[in-house]
Amino acid sequence: MPRLSLPPPPPDTTFARFDENLRRLHFRLWQIMVTVITVAITVWFMTLGILPAILALMVAKHVLVAVIAMGLHLPDVSERNALSPCDSAEPR
């Protein structure tokens, strides 16, 4: 007769921390890679002339700010508005 066995024990918390650290490392490496690619493309556009350089710098600025904002892990705008202390204030 087959025996029912118990489920395996849960993994140690050290493995969970390792997974979290690995995920954070991958995210930081992705940030660095996107930043290097953005700067390289911007420098290449700067060799084409003044107008492409200005446009490339404008686009690169927005891309780099977006990469930094992703790294800050800010809540969504709707969540920030819901948590705002100004919303709970009494109207005058």
PDB file of N, CA and C in Angstrom:
ATOM      1  N   MET A   1       0.840  -1.165   0.000  1.00  0.00           N
ATOM      2  CA  MET A   1       0.000   0.000   0.000  1.00  0.00           C
ATOM      3  C   MET A   1       0.896   1.243   0.000  1.00  0.00           C
ATOM      4  N   PRO A   2       0.612   2.190  -0.890  1.00  0.00           N
ATOM      5  CA  PRO A   2       1.450   3.392  -0.929  1.00  0.00           C
ATOM      6  C   PRO A   2       1.216   4.247   0.316  1.00  0.00           C
ATOM      7  N   ARG A   3       2.301   4.888   0.746  1.00  0.00           N
ATOM      8  CA  ARG A   3       2.221   5.726   1.933  1.00  0.00           C
ATOM      9  C   ARG A   3       2.138   7.186   1.511  1.00  0.00           C
ATOM     10  N   LEU A   4       1.343   7.934   2.200  1.00  0.00           N
ATOM     11  CA  LEU A   4       1.266   9.370   1.962  1.00  0.00           C
ATOM     12  C   LEU A   4       2.418  10.018   2.709  1.00  0.00           C
ATOM     13  N   SER A   5       3.129  10.869   2.002  1.00  0.00           N
ATOM     14  CA  SER A   5       4.249  11.531   2.657  1.00  0.00           C
ATOM     15  C   SER A   5       3.886  12.992   2.922  1.00  0.00           C
ATOM     16  N   LEU A   6       4.584  13.543   3.867  1.00  0.00           N
ATOM     17  CA  LEU A   6       4.369  14.944   4.194  1.00  0.00           C
ATOM     18  C   LEU A   6       4.959  15.835   3.107  1.00  0.00           C
ATOM     19  N   PRO A   7       4.415  17.049   2.947  1.00  0.00           N
ATOM     20  CA  PRO A   7       5.015  17.960   1.970  1.00  0.00           C
ATOM     21  C   PRO A   7       6.416  18.356   2.430  1.00  0.00           C
ATOM     22  N   PRO A   8       7.256  18.754   1.495  1.00  0.00           N
ATOM     23  CA  PRO A   8       8.614  19.137   1.889  1.00  0.00           C
ATOM     24  C   PRO A   8       8.578  20.380   2.776  1.00  0.00           C
ATOM     25  N   PRO A   9       9.570  20.536   3.611  1.00  0.00           N
ATOM     26  CA  PRO A   9       9.591  21.712   4.478  1.00  0.00           C
ATOM     27  C   PRO A   9       9.813  22.983   3.658  1.00  0.00           C
ATOM     28  N   PRO A  10       9.332  24.120   4.157  1.00  0.00           N
ATOM     29  CA  PRO A  10       9.527  25.368   3.407  1.00  0.00           C
ATOM     30  C   PRO A  10      11.007  25.720   3.337  1.00  0.00           C
ATOM     31  N   PRO A  11      11.405  26.465   2.310  1.00  0.00           N
ATOM     32  CA  PRO A  11      12.817  26.823   2.173  1.00  0.00           C
ATOM     33  C   PRO A  11      13.246  27.769   3.292  1.00  0.00           C
ATOM     34  N   ASP A  12      14.522  27.769   3.548  1.00  0.00           N
ATOM     35  CA  ASP A  12      15.061  28.664   4.564  1.00  0.00           C
ATOM     36  C   ASP A  12      14.895  30.110   4.129  1.00  0.00           C
ATOM     37  N   THR A  13      14.888  30.986   5.111  1.00  0.00           N
ATOM     38  CA  THR A  13      14.762  32.407   4.792  1.00  0.00           C
ATOM     39  C   THR A  13      16.005  32.928   4.094  1.00  0.00           C
ATOM     40  N   THR A  14      17.127  32.239   4.230  1.00  0.00           N
ATOM     41  CA  THR A  14      18.343  32.696   3.546  1.00  0.00           C
ATOM     42  C   THR A  14      18.174  32.615   2.048  1.00  0.00           C
ATOM     43  N   PHE A  15      17.446  31.590   1.571  1.00  0.00           N
ATOM     44  CA  PHE A  15      17.213  31.488   0.133  1.00  0.00           C
ATOM     45  C   PHE A  15      16.306  32.609  -0.351  1.00  0.00           C
ATOM     46  N   ALA A  16      15.310  32.963   0.448  1.00  0.00           N
ATOM     47  CA  ALA A  16      14.422  34.065   0.068  1.00  0.00           C
ATOM     48  C   ALA A  16      15.193  35.374  -0.010  1.00  0.00           C
ATOM     49  N   ARG A  17      16.098  35.605   0.956  1.00  0.00           N
ATOM     50  CA  ARG A  17      16.913  36.817   0.901  1.00  0.00           C
ATOM     51  C   ARG A  17      17.840  36.791  -0.302  1.00  0.00           C
ATOM     52  N   PHE A  18      18.363  35.625  -0.628  1.00  0.00           N
ATOM     53  CA  PHE A  18      19.248  35.514  -1.782  1.00  0.00           C
ATOM     54  C   PHE A  18      18.494  35.850  -3.065  1.00  0.00           C
ATOM     55  N   ASP A  19      17.257  35.370  -3.180  1.00  0.00           N
ATOM     56  CA  ASP A  19      16.456  35.676  -4.366  1.00  0.00           C
ATOM     57  C   ASP A  19      16.175  37.172  -4.461  1.00  0.00           C
ATOM     58  N   GLU A  20      15.878  37.793  -3.330  1.00  0.00           N
ATOM     59  CA  GLU A  20      15.608  39.238  -3.334  1.00  0.00           C
ATOM     60  C   GLU A  20      16.867  40.013  -3.718  1.00  0.00           C
ATOM     61  N   ASN A  21      17.996  39.614  -3.163  1.00  0.00           N
ATOM     62  CA  ASN A  21      19.251  40.289  -3.502  1.00  0.00           C
ATOM     63  C   ASN A  21      19.608  40.087  -4.963  1.00  0.00           C
ATOM     64  N   LEU A  22      19.354  38.904  -5.490  1.00  0.00           N
ATOM     65  CA  LEU A  22      19.640  38.638  -6.899  1.00  0.00           C
ATOM     66  C   LEU A  22      18.731  39.474  -7.804  1.00  0.00           C
ATOM     67  N   ARG A  23      17.453  39.594  -7.409  1.00  0.00           N
ATOM     68  CA  ARG A  23      16.523  40.419  -8.192  1.00  0.00           C
ATOM     69  C   ARG A  23      16.963  41.874  -8.199  1.00  0.00           C
ATOM     70  N   ARG A  24      17.397  42.383  -7.033  1.00  0.00           N
ATOM     71  CA  ARG A  24      17.872  43.763  -6.955  1.00  0.00           C
ATOM     72  C   ARG A  24      19.137  43.954  -7.782  1.00  0.00           C
ATOM     73  N   LEU A  25      20.041  42.957  -7.766  1.00  0.00           N
ATOM     74  CA  LEU A  25      21.260  43.042  -8.569  1.00  0.00           C
ATOM     75  C   LEU A  25      20.932  43.090 -10.052  1.00  0.00           C
ATOM     76  N   HIS A  26      20.007  42.250 -10.494  1.00  0.00           N
ATOM     77  CA  HIS A  26      19.617  42.265 -11.908  1.00  0.00           C
ATOM     78  C   HIS A  26      19.014  43.604 -12.304  1.00  0.00           C
ATOM     79  N   PHE A  27      18.209  44.168 -11.414  1.00  0.00           N
ATOM     80  CA  PHE A  27      17.607  45.464 -11.709  1.00  0.00           C
ATOM     81  C   PHE A  27      18.669  46.551 -11.807  1.00  0.00           C
ATOM     82  N   ARG A  28      19.647  46.563 -10.898  1.00  0.00           N
ATOM     83  CA  ARG A  28      20.712  47.572 -10.939  1.00  0.00           C
ATOM     84  C   ARG A  28      21.564  47.409 -12.190  1.00  0.00           C
ATOM     85  N   LEU A  29      21.851  46.166 -12.560  1.00  0.00           N
ATOM     86  CA  LEU A  29      22.619  45.941 -13.792  1.00  0.00           C
ATOM     87  C   LEU A  29      21.836  46.397 -15.012  1.00  0.00           C
ATOM     88  N   TRP A  30      20.512  46.181 -14.993  1.00  0.00           N
ATOM     89  CA  TRP A  30      19.676  46.659 -16.098  1.00  0.00           C
ATOM     90  C   TRP A  30      19.727  48.178 -16.164  1.00  0.00           C
ATOM     91  N   GLN A  31      19.653  48.860 -15.014  1.00  0.00           N
ATOM     92  CA  GLN A  31      19.731  50.316 -14.989  1.00  0.00           C
ATOM     93  C   GLN A  31      21.051  50.808 -15.581  1.00  0.00           C
ATOM     94  N   ILE A  32      22.144  50.173 -15.192  1.00  0.00           N
ATOM     95  CA  ILE A  32      23.455  50.580 -15.705  1.00  0.00           C
ATOM     96  C   ILE A  32      23.538  50.345 -17.207  1.00  0.00           C
ATOM     97  N   MET A  33      23.024  49.201 -17.672  1.00  0.00           N
ATOM     98  CA  MET A  33      23.076  48.892 -19.099  1.00  0.00           C
ATOM     99  C   MET A  33      22.265  49.909 -19.911  1.00  0.00           C
ATOM    100  N   VAL A  34      21.064  50.239 -19.460  1.00  0.00           N
ATOM    101  CA  VAL A  34      20.226  51.203 -20.180  1.00  0.00           C
ATOM    102  C   VAL A  34      20.880  52.583 -20.173  1.00  0.00           C
ATOM    103  N   THR A  35      21.505  52.946 -19.064  1.00  0.00           N
ATOM    104  CA  THR A  35      22.184  54.237 -18.989  1.00  0.00           C
ATOM    105  C   THR A  35      23.356  54.302 -19.959  1.00  0.00           C
ATOM    106  N   VAL A  36      24.156  53.255 -20.007  1.00  0.00           N
ATOM    107  CA  VAL A  36      25.314  53.237 -20.921  1.00  0.00           C
ATOM    108  C   VAL A  36      24.857  53.271 -22.371  1.00  0.00           C
ATOM    109  N   ILE A  37      23.825  52.507 -22.692  1.00  0.00           N
ATOM    110  CA  ILE A  37      23.318  52.506 -24.074  1.00  0.00           C
ATOM    111  C   ILE A  37      22.768  53.884 -24.443  1.00  0.00           C
ATOM    112  N   THR A  38      22.032  54.522 -23.517  1.00  0.00           N
ATOM    113  CA  THR A  38      21.476  55.851 -23.781  1.00  0.00           C
ATOM    114  C   THR A  38      22.585  56.873 -24.018  1.00  0.00           C
ATOM    115  N   VAL A  39      23.610  56.839 -23.179  1.00  0.00           N
ATOM    116  CA  VAL A  39      24.716  57.789 -23.343  1.00  0.00           C
ATOM    117  C   VAL A  39      25.460  57.530 -24.646  1.00  0.00           C
ATOM    118  N   ALA A  40      25.679  56.259 -24.999  1.00  0.00           N
ATOM    119  CA  ALA A  40      26.387  55.930 -26.237  1.00  0.00           C
ATOM    120  C   ALA A  40      25.613  56.407 -27.464  1.00  0.00           C
ATOM    121  N   ILE A  41      24.314  56.184 -27.478  1.00  0.00           N
ATOM    122  CA  ILE A  41      23.504  56.632 -28.621  1.00  0.00           C
ATOM    123  C   ILE A  41      23.486  58.156 -28.690  1.00  0.00           C
ATOM    124  N   THR A  42      23.417  58.812 -27.536  1.00  0.00           N
ATOM    125  CA  THR A  42      23.428  60.276 -27.510  1.00  0.00           C
ATOM    126  C   THR A  42      24.739  60.818 -28.050  1.00  0.00           C
ATOM    127  N   VAL A  43      25.844  60.222 -27.650  1.00  0.00           N
ATOM    128  CA  VAL A  43      27.153  60.668 -28.162  1.00  0.00           C
ATOM    129  C   VAL A  43      27.237  60.461 -29.666  1.00  0.00           C
ATOM    130  N   TRP A  44      26.691  59.353 -30.149  1.00  0.00           N
ATOM    131  CA  TRP A  44      26.730  59.115 -31.595  1.00  0.00           C
ATOM    132  C   TRP A  44      25.907  60.179 -32.331  1.00  0.00           C
ATOM    133  N   PHE A  45      24.732  60.527 -31.796  1.00  0.00           N
ATOM    134  CA  PHE A  45      23.916  61.565 -32.424  1.00  0.00           C
ATOM    135  C   PHE A  45      24.613  62.925 -32.376  1.00  0.00           C
ATOM    136  N   MET A  46      25.419  63.155 -31.351  1.00  0.00           N
ATOM    137  CA  MET A  46      26.125  64.432 -31.251  1.00  0.00           C
ATOM    138  C   MET A  46      27.161  64.588 -32.361  1.00  0.00           C
ATOM    139  N   THR A  47      27.631  63.499 -32.926  1.00  0.00           N
ATOM    140  CA  THR A  47      28.595  63.581 -34.025  1.00  0.00           C
ATOM    141  C   THR A  47      27.922  63.954 -35.343  1.00  0.00           C
ATOM    142  N   LEU A  48      26.605  63.905 -35.408  1.00  0.00           N
ATOM    143  CA  LEU A  48      25.897  64.173 -36.659  1.00  0.00           C
ATOM    144  C   LEU A  48      25.613  65.653 -36.897  1.00  0.00           C
ATOM    145  N   GLY A  49      25.709  66.458 -35.852  1.00  0.00           N
ATOM    146  CA  GLY A  49      25.464  67.887 -36.027  1.00  0.00           C
ATOM    147  C   GLY A  49      24.785  68.481 -34.811  1.00  0.00           C
ATOM    148  N   ILE A  50      24.500  69.782 -34.926  1.00  0.00           N
ATOM    149  CA  ILE A  50      23.954  70.510 -33.785  1.00  0.00           C
ATOM    150  C   ILE A  50      22.501  70.132 -33.516  1.00  0.00           C
ATOM    151  N   LEU A  51      21.662  70.118 -34.527  1.00  0.00           N
ATOM    152  CA  LEU A  51      20.247  69.804 -34.322  1.00  0.00           C
ATOM    153  C   LEU A  51      20.043  68.378 -33.815  1.00  0.00           C
ATOM    154  N   PRO A  52      20.671  67.365 -34.429  1.00  0.00           N
ATOM    155  CA  PRO A  52      20.528  66.017 -33.854  1.00  0.00           C
ATOM    156  C   PRO A  52      21.081  65.925 -32.434  1.00  0.00           C
ATOM    157  N   ALA A  53      22.128  66.692 -32.129  1.00  0.00           N
ATOM    158  CA  ALA A  53      22.694  66.662 -30.781  1.00  0.00           C
ATOM    159  C   ALA A  53      21.702  67.222 -29.769  1.00  0.00           C
ATOM    160  N   ILE A  54      21.055  68.323 -30.110  1.00  0.00           N
ATOM    161  CA  ILE A  54      20.083  68.927 -29.193  1.00  0.00           C
ATOM    162  C   ILE A  54      18.905  67.990 -28.969  1.00  0.00           C
ATOM    163  N   LEU A  55      18.397  67.400 -30.048  1.00  0.00           N
ATOM    164  CA  LEU A  55      17.280  66.470 -29.913  1.00  0.00           C
ATOM    165  C   LEU A  55      17.678  65.234 -29.113  1.00  0.00           C
ATOM    166  N   ALA A  56      18.879  64.715 -29.363  1.00  0.00           N
ATOM    167  CA  ALA A  56      19.341  63.533 -28.638  1.00  0.00           C
ATOM    168  C   ALA A  56      19.516  63.831 -27.153  1.00  0.00           C
ATOM    169  N   LEU A  57      20.009  65.005 -26.826  1.00  0.00           N
ATOM    170  CA  LEU A  57      20.165  65.368 -25.424  1.00  0.00           C
ATOM    171  C   LEU A  57      18.814  65.511 -24.731  1.00  0.00           C
ATOM    172  N   MET A  58      17.834  66.051 -25.436  1.00  0.00           N
ATOM    173  CA  MET A  58      16.499  66.191 -24.855  1.00  0.00           C
ATOM    174  C   MET A  58      15.877  64.821 -24.590  1.00  0.00           C
ATOM    175  N   VAL A  59      16.017  63.909 -25.531  1.00  0.00           N
ATOM    176  CA  VAL A  59      15.459  62.565 -25.349  1.00  0.00           C
ATOM    177  C   VAL A  59      16.224  61.819 -24.261  1.00  0.00           C
ATOM    178  N   ALA A  60      17.550  61.932 -24.273  1.00  0.00           N
ATOM    179  CA  ALA A  60      18.368  61.221 -23.285  1.00  0.00           C
ATOM    180  C   ALA A  60      18.046  61.684 -21.870  1.00  0.00           C
ATOM    181  N   LYS A  61      17.795  62.970 -21.703  1.00  0.00           N
ATOM    182  CA  LYS A  61      17.456  63.490 -20.381  1.00  0.00           C
ATOM    183  C   LYS A  61      16.194  62.829 -19.860  1.00  0.00           C
ATOM    184  N   HIS A  62      15.184  62.694 -20.703  1.00  0.00           N
ATOM    185  CA  HIS A  62      13.933  62.084 -20.273  1.00  0.00           C
ATOM    186  C   HIS A  62      14.109  60.586 -19.990  1.00  0.00           C
ATOM    187  N   VAL A  63      14.889  59.915 -20.808  1.00  0.00           N
ATOM    188  CA  VAL A  63      15.114  58.486 -20.592  1.00  0.00           C
ATOM    189  C   VAL A  63      15.861  58.260 -19.282  1.00  0.00           C
ATOM    190  N   LEU A  64      16.883  59.046 -19.025  1.00  0.00           N
ATOM    191  CA  LEU A  64      17.663  58.865 -17.803  1.00  0.00           C
ATOM    192  C   LEU A  64      16.864  59.212 -16.559  1.00  0.00           C
ATOM    193  N   VAL A  65      16.023  60.219 -16.637  1.00  0.00           N
ATOM    194  CA  VAL A  65      15.168  60.548 -15.487  1.00  0.00           C
ATOM    195  C   VAL A  65      14.172  59.409 -15.248  1.00  0.00           C
ATOM    196  N   ALA A  66      13.653  58.808 -16.293  1.00  0.00           N
ATOM    197  CA  ALA A  66      12.730  57.680 -16.132  1.00  0.00           C
ATOM    198  C   ALA A  66      13.433  56.488 -15.496  1.00  0.00           C
ATOM    199  N   VAL A  67      14.677  56.232 -15.886  1.00  0.00           N
ATOM    200  CA  VAL A  67      15.432  55.124 -15.297  1.00  0.00           C
ATOM    201  C   VAL A  67      15.681  55.384 -13.816  1.00  0.00           C
ATOM    202  N   ILE A  68      16.020  56.615 -13.477  1.00  0.00           N
ATOM    203  CA  ILE A  68      16.241  56.950 -12.073  1.00  0.00           C
ATOM    204  C   ILE A  68      14.936  56.827 -11.281  1.00  0.00           C
ATOM    205  N   ALA A  69      13.838  57.289 -11.851  1.00  0.00           N
ATOM    206  CA  ALA A  69      12.551  57.219 -11.159  1.00  0.00           C
ATOM    207  C   ALA A  69      12.128  55.770 -10.928  1.00  0.00           C
ATOM    208  N   MET A  70      12.439  54.893 -11.858  1.00  0.00           N
ATOM    209  CA  MET A  70      12.134  53.478 -11.653  1.00  0.00           C
ATOM    210  C   MET A  70      12.933  52.917 -10.490  1.00  0.00           C
ATOM    211  N   GLY A  71      14.150  53.390 -10.318  1.00  0.00           N
ATOM    212  CA  GLY A  71      14.991  52.904  -9.234  1.00  0.00           C
ATOM    213  C   GLY A  71      14.576  53.411  -7.875  1.00  0.00           C
ATOM    214  N   LEU A  72      13.802  54.493  -7.827  1.00  0.00           N
ATOM    215  CA  LEU A  72      13.345  55.035  -6.554  1.00  0.00           C
ATOM    216  C   LEU A  72      12.153  54.278  -5.987  1.00  0.00           C
ATOM    217  N   HIS A  73      11.483  53.471  -6.817  1.00  0.00           N
ATOM    218  CA  HIS A  73      10.314  52.681  -6.418  1.00  0.00           C
ATOM    219  C   HIS A  73       9.233  53.565  -5.813  1.00  0.00           C
ATOM    220  N   LEU A  74       8.902  54.637  -6.496  1.00  0.00           N
ATOM    221  CA  LEU A  74       7.850  55.540  -6.042  1.00  0.00           C
ATOM    222  C   LEU A  74       6.483  54.916  -6.293  1.00  0.00           C
ATOM    223  N   PRO A  75       5.492  55.209  -5.458  1.00  0.00           N
ATOM    224  CA  PRO A  75       4.143  54.703  -5.725  1.00  0.00           C
ATOM    225  C   PRO A  75       3.538  55.419  -6.924  1.00  0.00           C
ATOM    226  N   ASP A  76       2.499  54.807  -7.476  1.00  0.00           N
ATOM    227  CA  ASP A  76       1.812  55.427  -8.605  1.00  0.00           C
ATOM    228  C   ASP A  76       1.206  56.762  -8.184  1.00  0.00           C
ATOM    229  N   VAL A  77       0.887  57.581  -9.164  1.00  0.00           N
ATOM    230  CA  VAL A  77       0.324  58.900  -8.878  1.00  0.00           C
ATOM    231  C   VAL A  77      -1.015  58.761  -8.167  1.00  0.00           C
ATOM    232  N   SER A  78      -1.849  57.810  -8.565  1.00  0.00           N
ATOM    233  CA  SER A  78      -3.148  57.628  -7.925  1.00  0.00           C
ATOM    234  C   SER A  78      -2.977  57.208  -6.467  1.00  0.00           C
ATOM    235  N   GLU A  79      -1.965  56.373  -6.182  1.00  0.00           N
ATOM    236  CA  GLU A  79      -1.715  55.968  -4.798  1.00  0.00           C
ATOM    237  C   GLU A  79      -1.197  57.149  -3.979  1.00  0.00           C
ATOM    238  N   ARG A  80      -0.331  57.970  -4.580  1.00  0.00           N
ATOM    239  CA  ARG A  80       0.192  59.119  -3.861  1.00  0.00           C
ATOM    240  C   ARG A  80      -0.919  60.101  -3.539  1.00  0.00           C
ATOM    241  N   ASN A  81      -1.855  60.307  -4.486  1.00  0.00           N
ATOM    242  CA  ASN A  81      -2.957  61.231  -4.236  1.00  0.00           C
ATOM    243  C   ASN A  81      -3.887  60.688  -3.154  1.00  0.00           C
ATOM    244  N   ALA A  82      -4.062  59.384  -3.110  1.00  0.00           N
ATOM    245  CA  ALA A  82      -4.935  58.798  -2.097  1.00  0.00           C
ATOM    246  C   ALA A  82      -4.314  58.905  -0.714  1.00  0.00           C
ATOM    247  N   LEU A  83      -2.992  58.887  -0.636  1.00  0.00           N
ATOM    248  CA  LEU A  83      -2.306  58.943   0.647  1.00  0.00           C
ATOM    249  C   LEU A  83      -1.942  60.359   1.066  1.00  0.00           C
ATOM    250  N   SER A  84      -2.298  61.329   0.270  1.00  0.00           N
ATOM    251  CA  SER A  84      -1.909  62.702   0.550  1.00  0.00           C
ATOM    252  C   SER A  84      -2.601  63.220   1.798  1.00  0.00           C
ATOM    253  N   PRO A  85      -1.862  63.860   2.714  1.00  0.00           N
ATOM    254  CA  PRO A  85      -2.502  64.402   3.915  1.00  0.00           C
ATOM    255  C   PRO A  85      -3.398  65.597   3.605  1.00  0.00           C
ATOM    256  N   CYS A  86      -3.215  66.213   2.468  1.00  0.00           N
ATOM    257  CA  CYS A  86      -4.037  67.380   2.118  1.00  0.00           C
ATOM    258  C   CYS A  86      -5.477  66.979   1.827  1.00  0.00           C
ATOM    259  N   ASP A  87      -5.690  65.728   1.377  1.00  0.00           N
ATOM    260  CA  ASP A  87      -7.037  65.290   1.061  1.00  0.00           C
ATOM    261  C   ASP A  87      -7.894  65.113   2.311  1.00  0.00           C
ATOM    262  N   SER A  88      -7.252  64.790   3.426  1.00  0.00           N
ATOM    263  CA  SER A  88      -8.019  64.535   4.642  1.00  0.00           C
ATOM    264  C   SER A  88      -8.298  65.808   5.444  1.00  0.00           C
ATOM    265  N   ALA A  89      -7.757  66.918   4.995  1.00  0.00           N
ATOM    266  CA  ALA A  89      -7.960  68.170   5.726  1.00  0.00           C
ATOM    267  C   ALA A  89      -9.380  68.656   5.547  1.00  0.00           C
ATOM    268  N   GLU A  90      -9.877  69.316   6.569  1.00  0.00           N
ATOM    269  CA  GLU A  90     -11.225  69.870   6.529  1.00  0.00           C
ATOM    270  C   GLU A  90     -11.249  71.089   5.594  1.00  0.00           C
ATOM    271  N   PRO A  91     -12.288  71.234   4.755  1.00  0.00           N
ATOM    272  CA  PRO A  91     -12.387  72.431   3.917  1.00  0.00           C
ATOM    273  C   PRO A  91     -12.719  73.641   4.784  1.00  0.00           C
ATOM    274  N   ARG A  92     -12.251  74.791   4.383  1.00  0.00           N
ATOM    275  CA  ARG A  92     -12.474  76.021   5.155  1.00  0.00           C
ATOM    276  C   ARG A  92     -13.723  76.715   4.717  1.00  0.00           C
TER     277      ARG A  92
END
